[in-house]
PDB file of all heavy atoms in Angstrom:
ATOM      1  N   GLU A   1      12.407   5.992   2.912  1.00  0.00           N
ATOM      2  CA  GLU A   1      10.969   5.919   3.170  1.00  0.00           C
ATOM      3  C   GLU A   1      10.261   5.563   1.872  1.00  0.00           C
ATOM      4  O   GLU A   1      10.736   5.866   0.774  1.00  0.00           O
ATOM      5  CB  GLU A   1      10.428   7.245   3.713  1.00  0.00           C
ATOM      6  CG  GLU A   1      11.146   7.783   4.940  1.00  0.00           C
ATOM      7  CD  GLU A   1      10.940   6.967   6.201  1.00  0.00           C
ATOM      8  OE1 GLU A   1      10.145   6.015   6.174  1.00  0.00           O
ATOM      9  OE2 GLU A   1      11.591   7.284   7.215  1.00  0.00           O
ATOM     10  N   ALA A   2       9.111   4.928   1.986  1.00  0.00           N
ATOM     11  CA  ALA A   2       8.372   4.473   0.808  1.00  0.00           C
ATOM     12  C   ALA A   2       7.656   5.630   0.124  1.00  0.00           C
ATOM     13  O   ALA A   2       7.213   6.587   0.767  1.00  0.00           O
ATOM     14  CB  ALA A   2       7.370   3.401   1.213  1.00  0.00           C
ATOM     15  N   THR A   3       7.522   5.511  -1.187  1.00  0.00           N
ATOM     16  CA  THR A   3       6.721   6.459  -1.962  1.00  0.00           C
ATOM     17  C   THR A   3       5.546   5.763  -2.643  1.00  0.00           C
ATOM     18  O   THR A   3       4.882   6.357  -3.495  1.00  0.00           O
ATOM     19  CB  THR A   3       7.578   7.170  -3.030  1.00  0.00           C
ATOM     20  OG1 THR A   3       8.121   6.198  -3.939  1.00  0.00           O
ATOM     21  CG2 THR A   3       8.716   7.943  -2.383  1.00  0.00           C
ATOM     22  N   GLU A   4       5.281   4.522  -2.243  1.00  0.00           N
ATOM     23  CA  GLU A   4       4.178   3.762  -2.833  1.00  0.00           C
ATOM     24  C   GLU A   4       3.685   2.731  -1.827  1.00  0.00           C
ATOM     25  O   GLU A   4       4.446   2.241  -0.987  1.00  0.00           O
ATOM     26  CB  GLU A   4       4.657   3.072  -4.115  1.00  0.00           C
ATOM     27  CG  GLU A   4       3.581   2.343  -4.902  1.00  0.00           C
ATOM     28  CD  GLU A   4       4.153   1.671  -6.135  1.00  0.00           C
ATOM     29  OE1 GLU A   4       4.858   0.646  -5.974  1.00  0.00           O
ATOM     30  OE2 GLU A   4       3.931   2.179  -7.254  1.00  0.00           O
ATOM     31  N   ILE A   5       2.395   2.423  -1.915  1.00  0.00           N
ATOM     32  CA  ILE A   5       1.775   1.359  -1.129  1.00  0.00           C
ATOM     33  C   ILE A   5       1.248   0.324  -2.118  1.00  0.00           C
ATOM     34  O   ILE A   5       0.555   0.686  -3.079  1.00  0.00           O
ATOM     35  CB  ILE A   5       0.611   1.896  -0.276  1.00  0.00           C
ATOM     36  CG1 ILE A   5       1.059   3.097   0.564  1.00  0.00           C
ATOM     37  CG2 ILE A   5       0.032   0.803   0.616  1.00  0.00           C
ATOM     38  CD1 ILE A   5      -0.098   3.940   1.066  1.00  0.00           C
ATOM     39  N   THR A   6       1.573  -0.944  -1.903  1.00  0.00           N
ATOM     40  CA  THR A   6       1.208  -1.983  -2.866  1.00  0.00           C
ATOM     41  C   THR A   6       0.398  -3.084  -2.187  1.00  0.00           C
ATOM     42  O   THR A   6       0.795  -3.605  -1.136  1.00  0.00           O
ATOM     43  CB  THR A   6       2.463  -2.589  -3.522  1.00  0.00           C
ATOM     44  OG1 THR A   6       3.187  -1.560  -4.201  1.00  0.00           O
ATOM     45  CG2 THR A   6       2.086  -3.672  -4.531  1.00  0.00           C
ATOM     46  N   LEU A   7      -0.731  -3.435  -2.812  1.00  0.00           N
ATOM     47  CA  LEU A   7      -1.580  -4.544  -2.370  1.00  0.00           C
ATOM     48  C   LEU A   7      -1.469  -5.658  -3.396  1.00  0.00           C
ATOM     49  O   LEU A   7      -1.663  -5.428  -4.594  1.00  0.00           O
ATOM     50  CB  LEU A   7      -3.026  -4.083  -2.226  1.00  0.00           C
ATOM     51  CG  LEU A   7      -4.056  -5.148  -1.833  1.00  0.00           C
ATOM     52  CD1 LEU A   7      -3.736  -5.758  -0.478  1.00  0.00           C
ATOM     53  CD2 LEU A   7      -5.471  -4.552  -1.829  1.00  0.00           C
ATOM     54  N   LEU A   8      -1.160  -6.862  -2.922  1.00  0.00           N
ATOM     55  CA  LEU A   8      -0.925  -8.011  -3.794  1.00  0.00           C
ATOM     56  C   LEU A   8      -1.900  -9.136  -3.503  1.00  0.00           C
ATOM     57  O   LEU A   8      -2.255  -9.376  -2.349  1.00  0.00           O
ATOM     58  CB  LEU A   8       0.497  -8.554  -3.587  1.00  0.00           C
ATOM     59  CG  LEU A   8       1.658  -7.592  -3.786  1.00  0.00           C
ATOM     60  CD1 LEU A   8       2.887  -8.103  -3.074  1.00  0.00           C
ATOM     61  CD2 LEU A   8       1.946  -7.427  -5.269  1.00  0.00           C
ATOM     62  N   GLU A   9      -2.303  -9.826  -4.537  1.00  0.00           N
ATOM     63  CA  GLU A   9      -2.974 -11.116  -4.401  1.00  0.00           C
ATOM     64  C   GLU A   9      -1.938 -12.221  -4.523  1.00  0.00           C
ATOM     65  O   GLU A   9      -0.970 -12.092  -5.286  1.00  0.00           O
ATOM     66  CB  GLU A   9      -4.039 -11.292  -5.491  1.00  0.00           C
ATOM     67  CG  GLU A   9      -5.261 -10.410  -5.321  1.00  0.00           C
ATOM     68  CD  GLU A   9      -6.299 -10.641  -6.416  1.00  0.00           C
ATOM     69  OE1 GLU A   9      -5.980 -11.365  -7.403  1.00  0.00           O
ATOM     70  OE2 GLU A   9      -7.418 -10.120  -6.292  1.00  0.00           O
ATOM     71  N   THR A  10      -2.138 -13.313  -3.776  1.00  0.00           N
ATOM     72  CA  THR A  10      -1.245 -14.469  -3.907  1.00  0.00           C
ATOM     73  C   THR A  10      -1.955 -15.689  -4.479  1.00  0.00           C
ATOM     74  O   THR A  10      -1.322 -16.704  -4.720  1.00  0.00           O
ATOM     75  CB  THR A  10      -0.631 -14.828  -2.546  1.00  0.00           C
ATOM     76  OG1 THR A  10      -1.666 -15.235  -1.632  1.00  0.00           O
ATOM     77  CG2 THR A  10       0.121 -13.643  -1.962  1.00  0.00           C
ATOM     78  N   HIS A  11      -3.267 -15.596  -4.682  1.00  0.00           N
ATOM     79  CA  HIS A  11      -4.064 -16.662  -5.300  1.00  0.00           C
ATOM     80  C   HIS A  11      -4.875 -16.089  -6.452  1.00  0.00           C
ATOM     81  O   HIS A  11      -5.422 -14.992  -6.325  1.00  0.00           O
ATOM     82  CB  HIS A  11      -5.037 -17.281  -4.282  1.00  0.00           C
ATOM     83  CG  HIS A  11      -4.420 -18.243  -3.320  1.00  0.00           C
ATOM     84  ND1 HIS A  11      -3.818 -19.415  -3.686  1.00  0.00           N
ATOM     85  CD2 HIS A  11      -4.326 -18.203  -1.966  1.00  0.00           C
ATOM     86  CE1 HIS A  11      -3.393 -20.046  -2.610  1.00  0.00           C
ATOM     87  NE2 HIS A  11      -3.683 -19.315  -1.562  1.00  0.00           N
ATOM     88  N   PRO A  12      -5.045 -16.775  -7.564  1.00  0.00           N
ATOM     89  CA  PRO A  12      -4.384 -18.046  -7.928  1.00  0.00           C
ATOM     90  C   PRO A  12      -2.932 -17.851  -8.348  1.00  0.00           C
ATOM     91  O   PRO A  12      -2.180 -18.810  -8.468  1.00  0.00           O
ATOM     92  CB  PRO A  12      -5.223 -18.539  -9.103  1.00  0.00           C
ATOM     93  CG  PRO A  12      -5.740 -17.284  -9.736  1.00  0.00           C
ATOM     94  CD  PRO A  12      -5.974 -16.317  -8.602  1.00  0.00           C
ATOM     95  N   SER A  13      -2.541 -16.577  -8.559  1.00  0.00           N
ATOM     96  CA  SER A  13      -1.152 -16.278  -8.877  1.00  0.00           C
ATOM     97  C   SER A  13      -0.767 -14.987  -8.180  1.00  0.00           C
ATOM     98  O   SER A  13      -1.621 -14.242  -7.681  1.00  0.00           O
ATOM     99  CB  SER A  13      -0.972 -16.141 -10.396  1.00  0.00           C
ATOM    100  OG  SER A  13      -1.775 -15.086 -10.907  1.00  0.00           O
ATOM    101  N   LEU A  14       0.511 -14.720  -8.142  1.00  0.00           N
ATOM    102  CA  LEU A  14       1.020 -13.527  -7.473  1.00  0.00           C
ATOM    103  C   LEU A  14       0.922 -12.335  -8.418  1.00  0.00           C
ATOM    104  O   LEU A  14       1.517 -12.332  -9.497  1.00  0.00           O
ATOM    105  CB  LEU A  14       2.477 -13.754  -7.055  1.00  0.00           C
ATOM    106  CG  LEU A  14       3.189 -12.603  -6.356  1.00  0.00           C
ATOM    107  CD1 LEU A  14       2.484 -12.235  -5.066  1.00  0.00           C
ATOM    108  CD2 LEU A  14       4.641 -12.971  -6.090  1.00  0.00           C
ATOM    109  N   LYS A  15       0.153 -11.323  -7.999  1.00  0.00           N
ATOM    110  CA  LYS A  15       0.043 -10.124  -8.829  1.00  0.00           C
ATOM    111  C   LYS A  15      -0.346  -8.927  -7.973  1.00  0.00           C
ATOM    112  O   LYS A  15      -0.988  -9.059  -6.925  1.00  0.00           O
ATOM    113  CB  LYS A  15      -0.981 -10.315  -9.945  1.00  0.00           C
ATOM    114  CG  LYS A  15      -2.419 -10.456  -9.477  1.00  0.00           C
ATOM    115  CD  LYS A  15      -3.364 -10.569 -10.678  1.00  0.00           C
ATOM    116  CE  LYS A  15      -4.814 -10.677 -10.227  1.00  0.00           C
ATOM    117  NZ  LYS A  15      -5.733 -10.750 -11.388  1.00  0.00           N
ATOM    118  N   ALA A  16       0.079  -7.743  -8.437  1.00  0.00           N
ATOM    119  CA  ALA A  16      -0.289  -6.495  -7.772  1.00  0.00           C
ATOM    120  C   ALA A  16      -1.672  -6.084  -8.234  1.00  0.00           C
ATOM    121  O   ALA A  16      -1.949  -6.041  -9.444  1.00  0.00           O
ATOM    122  CB  ALA A  16       0.725  -5.412  -8.094  1.00  0.00           C
ATOM    123  N   VAL A  17      -2.562  -5.789  -7.280  1.00  0.00           N
ATOM    124  CA  VAL A  17      -3.922  -5.373  -7.633  1.00  0.00           C
ATOM    125  C   VAL A  17      -4.151  -3.893  -7.383  1.00  0.00           C
ATOM    126  O   VAL A  17      -5.035  -3.281  -7.994  1.00  0.00           O
ATOM    127  CB  VAL A  17      -4.979  -6.215  -6.886  1.00  0.00           C
ATOM    128  CG1 VAL A  17      -4.943  -7.651  -7.368  1.00  0.00           C
ATOM    129  CG2 VAL A  17      -4.781  -6.157  -5.381  1.00  0.00           C
ATOM    130  N   THR A  18      -3.374  -3.296  -6.488  1.00  0.00           N
ATOM    131  CA  THR A  18      -3.480  -1.865  -6.223  1.00  0.00           C
ATOM    132  C   THR A  18      -2.088  -1.310  -5.948  1.00  0.00           C
ATOM    133  O   THR A  18      -1.328  -1.891  -5.161  1.00  0.00           O
ATOM    134  CB  THR A  18      -4.368  -1.566  -5.002  1.00  0.00           C
ATOM    135  OG1 THR A  18      -5.668  -2.119  -5.210  1.00  0.00           O
ATOM    136  CG2 THR A  18      -4.508  -0.062  -4.783  1.00  0.00           C
ATOM    137  N   ARG A  19      -1.772  -0.198  -6.598  1.00  0.00           N
ATOM    138  CA  ARG A  19      -0.548   0.549  -6.299  1.00  0.00           C
ATOM    139  C   ARG A  19      -0.957   1.992  -6.030  1.00  0.00           C
ATOM    140  O   ARG A  19      -1.544   2.645  -6.889  1.00  0.00           O
ATOM    141  CB  ARG A  19       0.447   0.488  -7.455  1.00  0.00           C
ATOM    142  CG  ARG A  19       1.000  -0.908  -7.752  1.00  0.00           C
ATOM    143  CD  ARG A  19       2.021  -0.844  -8.883  1.00  0.00           C
ATOM    144  NE  ARG A  19       2.465  -2.138  -9.329  1.00  0.00           N
ATOM    145  CZ  ARG A  19       3.526  -2.790  -8.844  1.00  0.00           C
ATOM    146  NH1 ARG A  19       4.233  -2.227  -7.869  1.00  0.00           N
ATOM    147  NH2 ARG A  19       3.872  -3.975  -9.312  1.00  0.00           N
ATOM    148  N   ILE A  20      -0.664   2.464  -4.838  1.00  0.00           N
ATOM    149  CA  ILE A  20      -0.999   3.829  -4.443  1.00  0.00           C
ATOM    150  C   ILE A  20       0.286   4.638  -4.445  1.00  0.00           C
ATOM    151  O   ILE A  20       1.170   4.433  -3.603  1.00  0.00           O
ATOM    152  CB  ILE A  20      -1.652   3.869  -3.047  1.00  0.00           C
ATOM    153  CG1 ILE A  20      -2.888   2.954  -3.007  1.00  0.00           C
ATOM    154  CG2 ILE A  20      -2.020   5.295  -2.681  1.00  0.00           C
ATOM    155  CD1 ILE A  20      -3.453   2.763  -1.607  1.00  0.00           C
ATOM    156  N   SER A  21       0.418   5.536  -5.402  1.00  0.00           N
ATOM    157  CA  SER A  21       1.610   6.351  -5.512  1.00  0.00           C
ATOM    158  C   SER A  21       1.455   7.616  -4.677  1.00  0.00           C
ATOM    159  O   SER A  21       0.428   8.296  -4.745  1.00  0.00           O
ATOM    160  CB  SER A  21       1.860   6.709  -6.981  1.00  0.00           C
ATOM    161  OG  SER A  21       3.025   7.485  -7.125  1.00  0.00           O
ATOM    162  N   ILE A  22       2.460   7.943  -3.883  1.00  0.00           N
ATOM    163  CA  ILE A  22       2.445   9.138  -3.047  1.00  0.00           C
ATOM    164  C   ILE A  22       3.015  10.289  -3.869  1.00  0.00           C
ATOM    165  O   ILE A  22       4.167  10.227  -4.312  1.00  0.00           O
ATOM    166  CB  ILE A  22       3.266   8.932  -1.763  1.00  0.00           C
ATOM    167  CG1 ILE A  22       2.841   7.631  -1.063  1.00  0.00           C
ATOM    168  CG2 ILE A  22       3.107  10.126  -0.842  1.00  0.00           C
ATOM    169  CD1 ILE A  22       1.381   7.536  -0.713  1.00  0.00           C
ATOM    170  N   PRO A  23       2.256  11.362  -4.098  1.00  0.00           N
ATOM    171  CA  PRO A  23       2.685  12.401  -5.052  1.00  0.00           C
ATOM    172  C   PRO A  23       3.772  13.321  -4.505  1.00  0.00           C
ATOM    173  O   PRO A  23       3.960  13.459  -3.295  1.00  0.00           O
ATOM    174  CB  PRO A  23       1.390  13.178  -5.302  1.00  0.00           C
ATOM    175  CG  PRO A  23       0.591  12.997  -4.051  1.00  0.00           C
ATOM    176  CD  PRO A  23       0.921  11.623  -3.557  1.00  0.00           C
ATOM    177  N   GLY A  24       4.466  13.980  -5.438  1.00  0.00           N
ATOM    178  CA  GLY A  24       5.419  15.023  -5.097  1.00  0.00           C
ATOM    179  C   GLY A  24       6.589  14.512  -4.285  1.00  0.00           C
ATOM    180  O   GLY A  24       7.112  13.421  -4.510  1.00  0.00           O
ATOM    181  N   GLN A  25       7.009  15.315  -3.315  1.00  0.00           N
ATOM    182  CA  GLN A  25       8.141  14.976  -2.452  1.00  0.00           C
ATOM    183  C   GLN A  25       7.688  14.358  -1.135  1.00  0.00           C
ATOM    184  O   GLN A  25       8.436  14.342  -0.160  1.00  0.00           O
ATOM    185  CB  GLN A  25       8.966  16.235  -2.177  1.00  0.00           C
ATOM    186  CG  GLN A  25       9.598  16.838  -3.408  1.00  0.00           C
ATOM    187  CD  GLN A  25      10.616  15.886  -4.042  1.00  0.00           C
ATOM    188  OE1 GLN A  25      11.583  15.497  -3.413  1.00  0.00           O
ATOM    189  NE2 GLN A  25      10.370  15.502  -5.288  1.00  0.00           N
ATOM    190  N   ARG A  26       6.487  13.825  -1.114  1.00  0.00           N
ATOM    191  CA  ARG A  26       5.950  13.228   0.098  1.00  0.00           C
ATOM    192  C   ARG A  26       6.320  11.753   0.177  1.00  0.00           C
ATOM    193  O   ARG A  26       6.569  11.099  -0.841  1.00  0.00           O
ATOM    194  CB  ARG A  26       4.431  13.404   0.148  1.00  0.00           C
ATOM    195  CG  ARG A  26       3.964  14.829  -0.140  1.00  0.00           C
ATOM    196  CD  ARG A  26       2.470  14.956  -0.077  1.00  0.00           C
ATOM    197  NE  ARG A  26       2.023  15.085   1.299  1.00  0.00           N
ATOM    198  CZ  ARG A  26       0.795  14.809   1.719  1.00  0.00           C
ATOM    199  NH1 ARG A  26      -0.110  14.354   0.868  1.00  0.00           N
ATOM    200  NH2 ARG A  26       0.455  14.983   2.974  1.00  0.00           N
ATOM    201  N   VAL A  27       6.353  11.215   1.396  1.00  0.00           N
ATOM    202  CA  VAL A  27       6.696   9.811   1.622  1.00  0.00           C
ATOM    203  C   VAL A  27       5.754   9.230   2.678  1.00  0.00           C
ATOM    204  O   VAL A  27       5.092   9.968   3.413  1.00  0.00           O
ATOM    205  CB  VAL A  27       8.153   9.646   2.103  1.00  0.00           C
ATOM    206  CG1 VAL A  27       9.137  10.173   1.068  1.00  0.00           C
ATOM    207  CG2 VAL A  27       8.372  10.328   3.460  1.00  0.00           C
ATOM    208  N   VAL A  28       5.721   7.910   2.733  1.00  0.00           N
ATOM    209  CA  VAL A  28       5.078   7.219   3.852  1.00  0.00           C
ATOM    210  C   VAL A  28       6.135   7.059   4.933  1.00  0.00           C
ATOM    211  O   VAL A  28       7.128   6.358   4.749  1.00  0.00           O
ATOM    212  CB  VAL A  28       4.535   5.838   3.440  1.00  0.00           C
ATOM    213  CG1 VAL A  28       3.884   5.154   4.639  1.00  0.00           C
ATOM    214  CG2 VAL A  28       3.545   5.960   2.299  1.00  0.00           C
ATOM    215  N   GLU A  29       5.947   7.724   6.059  1.00  0.00           N
ATOM    216  CA  GLU A  29       6.962   7.710   7.112  1.00  0.00           C
ATOM    217  C   GLU A  29       6.612   6.623   8.126  1.00  0.00           C
ATOM    218  O   GLU A  29       5.796   6.818   9.032  1.00  0.00           O
ATOM    219  CB  GLU A  29       7.079   9.075   7.777  1.00  0.00           C
ATOM    220  CG  GLU A  29       8.366   9.223   8.555  1.00  0.00           C
ATOM    221  CD  GLU A  29       8.647  10.635   9.017  1.00  0.00           C
ATOM    222  OE1 GLU A  29       7.738  11.488   8.951  1.00  0.00           O
ATOM    223  OE2 GLU A  29       9.772  10.881   9.452  1.00  0.00           O
ATOM    224  N   GLY A  30       7.242   5.482   7.953  1.00  0.00           N
ATOM    225  CA  GLY A  30       6.981   4.320   8.786  1.00  0.00           C
ATOM    226  C   GLY A  30       7.413   3.077   8.044  1.00  0.00           C
ATOM    227  O   GLY A  30       8.028   3.145   6.975  1.00  0.00           O
ATOM    228  N   ILE A  31       7.093   1.900   8.585  1.00  0.00           N
ATOM    229  CA  ILE A  31       7.473   0.648   7.937  1.00  0.00           C
ATOM    230  C   ILE A  31       6.273  -0.203   7.541  1.00  0.00           C
ATOM    231  O   ILE A  31       6.440  -1.228   6.880  1.00  0.00           O
ATOM    232  CB  ILE A  31       8.446  -0.172   8.815  1.00  0.00           C
ATOM    233  CG1 ILE A  31       7.850  -0.466  10.186  1.00  0.00           C
ATOM    234  CG2 ILE A  31       9.784   0.565   8.963  1.00  0.00           C
ATOM    235  CD1 ILE A  31       8.717  -1.356  11.054  1.00  0.00           C
ATOM    236  N   SER A  32       5.058   0.229   7.920  1.00  0.00           N
ATOM    237  CA  SER A  32       3.867  -0.488   7.477  1.00  0.00           C
ATOM    238  C   SER A  32       2.637   0.385   7.672  1.00  0.00           C
ATOM    239  O   SER A  32       2.635   1.279   8.524  1.00  0.00           O
ATOM    240  CB  SER A  32       3.678  -1.807   8.236  1.00  0.00           C
ATOM    241  OG  SER A  32       3.189  -1.574   9.535  1.00  0.00           O
ATOM    242  N   PRO A  33       1.591   0.128   6.896  1.00  0.00           N
ATOM    243  CA  PRO A  33       0.301   0.760   7.196  1.00  0.00           C
ATOM    244  C   PRO A  33      -0.360   0.085   8.394  1.00  0.00           C
ATOM    245  O   PRO A  33       0.162  -0.874   8.967  1.00  0.00           O
ATOM    246  CB  PRO A  33      -0.521   0.503   5.914  1.00  0.00           C
ATOM    247  CG  PRO A  33       0.446   0.015   4.885  1.00  0.00           C
ATOM    248  CD  PRO A  33       1.560  -0.652   5.657  1.00  0.00           C
ATOM    249  N   ILE A  34      -1.513   0.621   8.783  1.00  0.00           N
ATOM    250  CA  ILE A  34      -2.503  -0.129   9.551  1.00  0.00           C
ATOM    251  C   ILE A  34      -3.626  -0.462   8.574  1.00  0.00           C
ATOM    252  O   ILE A  34      -4.126   0.420   7.875  1.00  0.00           O
ATOM    253  CB  ILE A  34      -3.045   0.686  10.743  1.00  0.00           C
ATOM    254  CG1 ILE A  34      -1.945   0.906  11.788  1.00  0.00           C
ATOM    255  CG2 ILE A  34      -4.231  -0.037  11.390  1.00  0.00           C
ATOM    256  CD1 ILE A  34      -2.367   1.800  12.936  1.00  0.00           C
ATOM    257  N   TRP A  35      -3.990  -1.728   8.517  1.00  0.00           N
ATOM    258  CA  TRP A  35      -4.974  -2.222   7.546  1.00  0.00           C
ATOM    259  C   TRP A  35      -6.203  -2.651   8.346  1.00  0.00           C
ATOM    260  O   TRP A  35      -6.335  -3.787   8.753  1.00  0.00           O
ATOM    261  CB  TRP A  35      -4.367  -3.389   6.793  1.00  0.00           C
ATOM    262  CG  TRP A  35      -5.032  -3.811   5.532  1.00  0.00           C
ATOM    263  CD1 TRP A  35      -6.033  -3.198   4.849  1.00  0.00           C
ATOM    264  CD2 TRP A  35      -4.689  -4.992   4.793  1.00  0.00           C
ATOM    265  NE1 TRP A  35      -6.349  -3.916   3.721  1.00  0.00           N
ATOM    266  CE2 TRP A  35      -5.531  -5.007   3.662  1.00  0.00           C
ATOM    267  CE3 TRP A  35      -3.756  -6.006   4.970  1.00  0.00           C
ATOM    268  CZ2 TRP A  35      -5.469  -6.041   2.708  1.00  0.00           C
ATOM    269  CZ3 TRP A  35      -3.685  -7.023   4.030  1.00  0.00           C
ATOM    270  CH2 TRP A  35      -4.536  -7.041   2.913  1.00  0.00           C
ATOM    271  N   ALA A  36      -7.104  -1.706   8.605  1.00  0.00           N
ATOM    272  CA  ALA A  36      -8.197  -1.961   9.542  1.00  0.00           C
ATOM    273  C   ALA A  36      -9.444  -1.193   9.134  1.00  0.00           C
ATOM    274  O   ALA A  36      -9.371  -0.186   8.416  1.00  0.00           O
ATOM    275  CB  ALA A  36      -7.783  -1.562  10.957  1.00  0.00           C
ATOM    276  N   ASP A  37     -10.584  -1.667   9.594  1.00  0.00           N
ATOM    277  CA  ASP A  37     -11.866  -1.013   9.336  1.00  0.00           C
ATOM    278  C   ASP A  37     -12.023   0.153  10.304  1.00  0.00           C
ATOM    279  O   ASP A  37     -12.275  -0.041  11.487  1.00  0.00           O
ATOM    280  CB  ASP A  37     -12.996  -2.027   9.514  1.00  0.00           C
ATOM    281  CG  ASP A  37     -14.375  -1.427   9.240  1.00  0.00           C
ATOM    282  OD1 ASP A  37     -14.454  -0.265   8.800  1.00  0.00           O
ATOM    283  OD2 ASP A  37     -15.374  -2.138   9.475  1.00  0.00           O
ATOM    284  N   LEU A  38     -11.884   1.369   9.784  1.00  0.00           N
ATOM    285  CA  LEU A  38     -11.913   2.554  10.632  1.00  0.00           C
ATOM    286  C   LEU A  38     -13.305   3.172  10.736  1.00  0.00           C
ATOM    287  O   LEU A  38     -13.578   3.910  11.686  1.00  0.00           O
ATOM    288  CB  LEU A  38     -10.911   3.589  10.101  1.00  0.00           C
ATOM    289  CG  LEU A  38     -10.737   4.898  10.866  1.00  0.00           C
ATOM    290  CD1 LEU A  38     -10.435   4.660  12.340  1.00  0.00           C
ATOM    291  CD2 LEU A  38      -9.657   5.755  10.222  1.00  0.00           C
ATOM    292  N   ASN A  39     -14.189   2.881   9.775  1.00  0.00           N
ATOM    293  CA  ASN A  39     -15.516   3.516   9.803  1.00  0.00           C
ATOM    294  C   ASN A  39     -16.655   2.535  10.072  1.00  0.00           C
ATOM    295  O   ASN A  39     -17.829   2.916  10.022  1.00  0.00           O
ATOM    296  CB  ASN A  39     -15.774   4.276   8.501  1.00  0.00           C
ATOM    297  CG  ASN A  39     -15.707   3.381   7.273  1.00  0.00           C
ATOM    298  OD1 ASN A  39     -15.576   2.163   7.384  1.00  0.00           O
ATOM    299  ND2 ASN A  39     -15.762   3.982   6.097  1.00  0.00           N
ATOM    300  N   GLY A  40     -16.336   1.260  10.347  1.00  0.00           N
ATOM    301  CA  GLY A  40     -17.363   0.299  10.731  1.00  0.00           C
ATOM    302  C   GLY A  40     -18.225  -0.215   9.597  1.00  0.00           C
ATOM    303  O   GLY A  40     -19.283  -0.789   9.854  1.00  0.00           O
TER     304      GLY A  40
END
């Protein structure tokens, strides 16, 4: 299971812009987030 979530830009070059580290012994249980506007 993942212990980090990474957001990347691909323009103008490939680079990581956000890395969210999951603390302690916790993990992201799944294979992807949902990337959606939840509060409008």
